[in-house]
N, C-alpha and C. Protein backbone atom coordinates (compact mmCIF):
# COMPACT_ATOMS: atom_id res chain seq x y z
N GLY A 1 -47.67 4.71 23.04
CA GLY A 1 -46.58 4.07 22.37
C GLY A 1 -46.93 3.77 20.92
N ARG A 2 -45.94 3.34 20.24
CA ARG A 2 -46.10 2.99 18.83
C ARG A 2 -46.82 1.65 18.72
N ALA A 3 -47.69 1.54 17.74
CA ALA A 3 -48.43 0.30 17.53
C ALA A 3 -47.46 -0.82 17.17
N PRO A 4 -47.72 -2.03 17.67
CA PRO A 4 -46.84 -3.15 17.33
C PRO A 4 -46.93 -3.48 15.84
N SER A 5 -45.86 -4.04 15.31
CA SER A 5 -45.85 -4.36 13.89
C SER A 5 -46.40 -5.76 13.61
N LEU A 6 -46.69 -6.53 14.65
CA LEU A 6 -47.24 -7.86 14.47
C LEU A 6 -48.76 -7.79 14.41
N PRO A 7 -49.40 -8.73 13.72
CA PRO A 7 -50.86 -8.73 13.66
C PRO A 7 -51.47 -8.98 15.05
N PRO A 8 -52.65 -8.45 15.31
CA PRO A 8 -53.29 -8.61 16.61
C PRO A 8 -53.48 -10.07 17.04
N GLU A 9 -53.61 -10.99 16.08
CA GLU A 9 -53.80 -12.39 16.43
C GLU A 9 -52.58 -12.95 17.16
N VAL A 10 -51.42 -12.39 16.88
CA VAL A 10 -50.18 -12.87 17.50
C VAL A 10 -50.06 -12.36 18.93
N MET A 11 -50.55 -11.15 19.16
CA MET A 11 -50.45 -10.53 20.49
C MET A 11 -51.82 -10.02 20.93
N PRO A 12 -52.76 -10.91 21.24
CA PRO A 12 -54.12 -10.47 21.53
C PRO A 12 -54.24 -9.60 22.78
N ASP A 13 -53.32 -9.74 23.74
CA ASP A 13 -53.42 -8.97 24.98
C ASP A 13 -52.56 -7.72 24.98
N TRP A 14 -51.91 -7.40 23.86
CA TRP A 14 -51.00 -6.27 23.87
C TRP A 14 -51.75 -4.95 24.02
N ARG A 15 -51.32 -4.19 24.99
CA ARG A 15 -51.79 -2.82 25.23
C ARG A 15 -50.58 -2.08 25.80
N PRO A 16 -50.55 -0.76 25.72
CA PRO A 16 -49.43 -0.04 26.32
C PRO A 16 -49.29 -0.32 27.82
N THR A 17 -50.38 -0.70 28.47
CA THR A 17 -50.35 -0.96 29.92
C THR A 17 -50.20 -2.44 30.26
N HIS A 18 -50.02 -3.28 29.26
CA HIS A 18 -49.98 -4.74 29.47
C HIS A 18 -48.97 -5.15 30.54
N LEU A 19 -47.79 -4.60 30.47
CA LEU A 19 -46.74 -4.96 31.42
C LEU A 19 -47.18 -4.67 32.85
N PHE A 20 -47.77 -3.49 33.06
CA PHE A 20 -48.12 -3.06 34.41
C PHE A 20 -49.42 -3.67 34.93
N LYS A 21 -50.34 -3.97 34.04
CA LYS A 21 -51.63 -4.52 34.48
C LYS A 21 -51.66 -6.04 34.49
N LYS A 22 -50.83 -6.68 33.68
CA LYS A 22 -50.88 -8.15 33.58
C LYS A 22 -49.59 -8.82 34.02
N VAL A 23 -48.48 -8.42 33.44
CA VAL A 23 -47.22 -9.15 33.65
C VAL A 23 -46.71 -8.98 35.07
N ILE A 24 -46.58 -7.75 35.54
CA ILE A 24 -46.03 -7.53 36.88
C ILE A 24 -46.90 -8.17 37.96
N PRO A 25 -48.23 -8.02 37.92
CA PRO A 25 -49.04 -8.71 38.92
C PRO A 25 -48.85 -10.24 38.89
N ARG A 26 -48.69 -10.81 37.70
CA ARG A 26 -48.49 -12.26 37.62
C ARG A 26 -47.13 -12.66 38.18
N LEU A 27 -46.13 -11.83 37.96
CA LEU A 27 -44.82 -12.10 38.56
C LEU A 27 -44.93 -12.10 40.08
N ARG A 28 -45.64 -11.11 40.62
CA ARG A 28 -45.82 -11.03 42.08
C ARG A 28 -46.58 -12.25 42.60
N GLU A 29 -47.65 -12.63 41.90
CA GLU A 29 -48.43 -13.81 42.30
C GLU A 29 -47.58 -15.07 42.27
N ALA A 30 -46.64 -15.13 41.35
CA ALA A 30 -45.76 -16.29 41.23
C ALA A 30 -44.66 -16.29 42.28
N GLY A 31 -44.61 -15.23 43.09
CA GLY A 31 -43.63 -15.19 44.17
C GLY A 31 -42.29 -14.57 43.80
N VAL A 32 -42.23 -13.88 42.67
CA VAL A 32 -40.98 -13.23 42.29
C VAL A 32 -40.76 -12.08 43.26
N PRO A 33 -39.59 -12.03 43.91
CA PRO A 33 -39.33 -10.97 44.88
C PRO A 33 -39.30 -9.59 44.22
N PRO A 34 -39.74 -8.56 44.95
CA PRO A 34 -39.73 -7.20 44.39
C PRO A 34 -38.36 -6.77 43.88
N GLU A 35 -37.30 -7.25 44.53
CA GLU A 35 -35.95 -6.89 44.10
C GLU A 35 -35.67 -7.40 42.68
N LYS A 36 -36.16 -8.59 42.36
CA LYS A 36 -35.95 -9.16 41.02
C LYS A 36 -36.76 -8.39 39.97
N ILE A 37 -37.98 -8.00 40.32
CA ILE A 37 -38.79 -7.21 39.40
C ILE A 37 -38.12 -5.86 39.16
N ASP A 38 -37.60 -5.26 40.22
CA ASP A 38 -36.88 -4.00 40.09
C ASP A 38 -35.65 -4.16 39.19
N THR A 39 -34.96 -5.27 39.34
CA THR A 39 -33.80 -5.52 38.49
C THR A 39 -34.21 -5.58 37.02
N MET A 40 -35.31 -6.29 36.74
CA MET A 40 -35.77 -6.42 35.36
C MET A 40 -36.24 -5.10 34.76
N LEU A 41 -36.94 -4.30 35.56
CA LEU A 41 -37.59 -3.11 35.03
C LEU A 41 -36.79 -1.82 35.18
N VAL A 42 -35.84 -1.80 36.12
CA VAL A 42 -35.10 -0.56 36.38
C VAL A 42 -33.61 -0.75 36.15
N GLU A 43 -33.02 -1.69 36.86
CA GLU A 43 -31.56 -1.84 36.81
C GLU A 43 -31.06 -2.31 35.44
N ASN A 44 -31.68 -3.33 34.87
CA ASN A 44 -31.21 -3.83 33.57
C ASN A 44 -31.34 -2.77 32.47
N PRO A 45 -32.49 -2.10 32.34
CA PRO A 45 -32.56 -1.04 31.31
C PRO A 45 -31.56 0.08 31.56
N ARG A 46 -31.38 0.45 32.83
CA ARG A 46 -30.41 1.51 33.14
C ARG A 46 -29.02 1.10 32.68
N ARG A 47 -28.63 -0.12 32.98
CA ARG A 47 -27.30 -0.60 32.58
C ARG A 47 -27.20 -0.71 31.06
N TYR A 48 -28.24 -1.20 30.42
CA TYR A 48 -28.24 -1.35 28.96
C TYR A 48 -28.04 0.00 28.28
N PHE A 49 -28.82 0.99 28.68
CA PHE A 49 -28.72 2.29 28.03
C PHE A 49 -27.45 3.03 28.40
N ALA A 50 -26.94 2.81 29.60
CA ALA A 50 -25.67 3.42 29.97
C ALA A 50 -24.55 2.84 29.12
N GLU A 51 -24.56 1.53 28.92
CA GLU A 51 -23.53 0.88 28.10
C GLU A 51 -23.70 1.25 26.63
N ALA A 52 -24.93 1.43 26.17
CA ALA A 52 -25.17 1.79 24.77
C ALA A 52 -24.56 3.15 24.45
N GLY A 53 -24.51 4.02 25.44
CA GLY A 53 -23.93 5.33 25.23
C GLY A 53 -22.42 5.33 25.15
N THR A 54 -21.79 4.20 25.52
CA THR A 54 -20.32 4.14 25.52
C THR A 54 -19.76 3.36 24.35
N THR A 55 -20.60 2.67 23.59
CA THR A 55 -20.08 1.89 22.45
C THR A 55 -19.81 2.81 21.28
N ARG A 56 -18.77 2.48 20.59
CA ARG A 56 -18.39 3.28 19.43
C ARG A 56 -18.48 2.41 18.18
N CYS A 57 -18.93 3.01 17.11
CA CYS A 57 -19.04 2.28 15.84
C CYS A 57 -17.79 2.43 15.02
């Protein structure tokens, strides 16, 4: 992925794999149901990009 535009001090843990290695496991440990994680990572982006294709300027 593209390097973040913020300085490393602001995002010390940022890596392209951060979401999958840190965030998702922590969500699971916190008891977030798999369906909610799927909604955040699959359904919401799908809906966002589908709607983005229908907006007209």
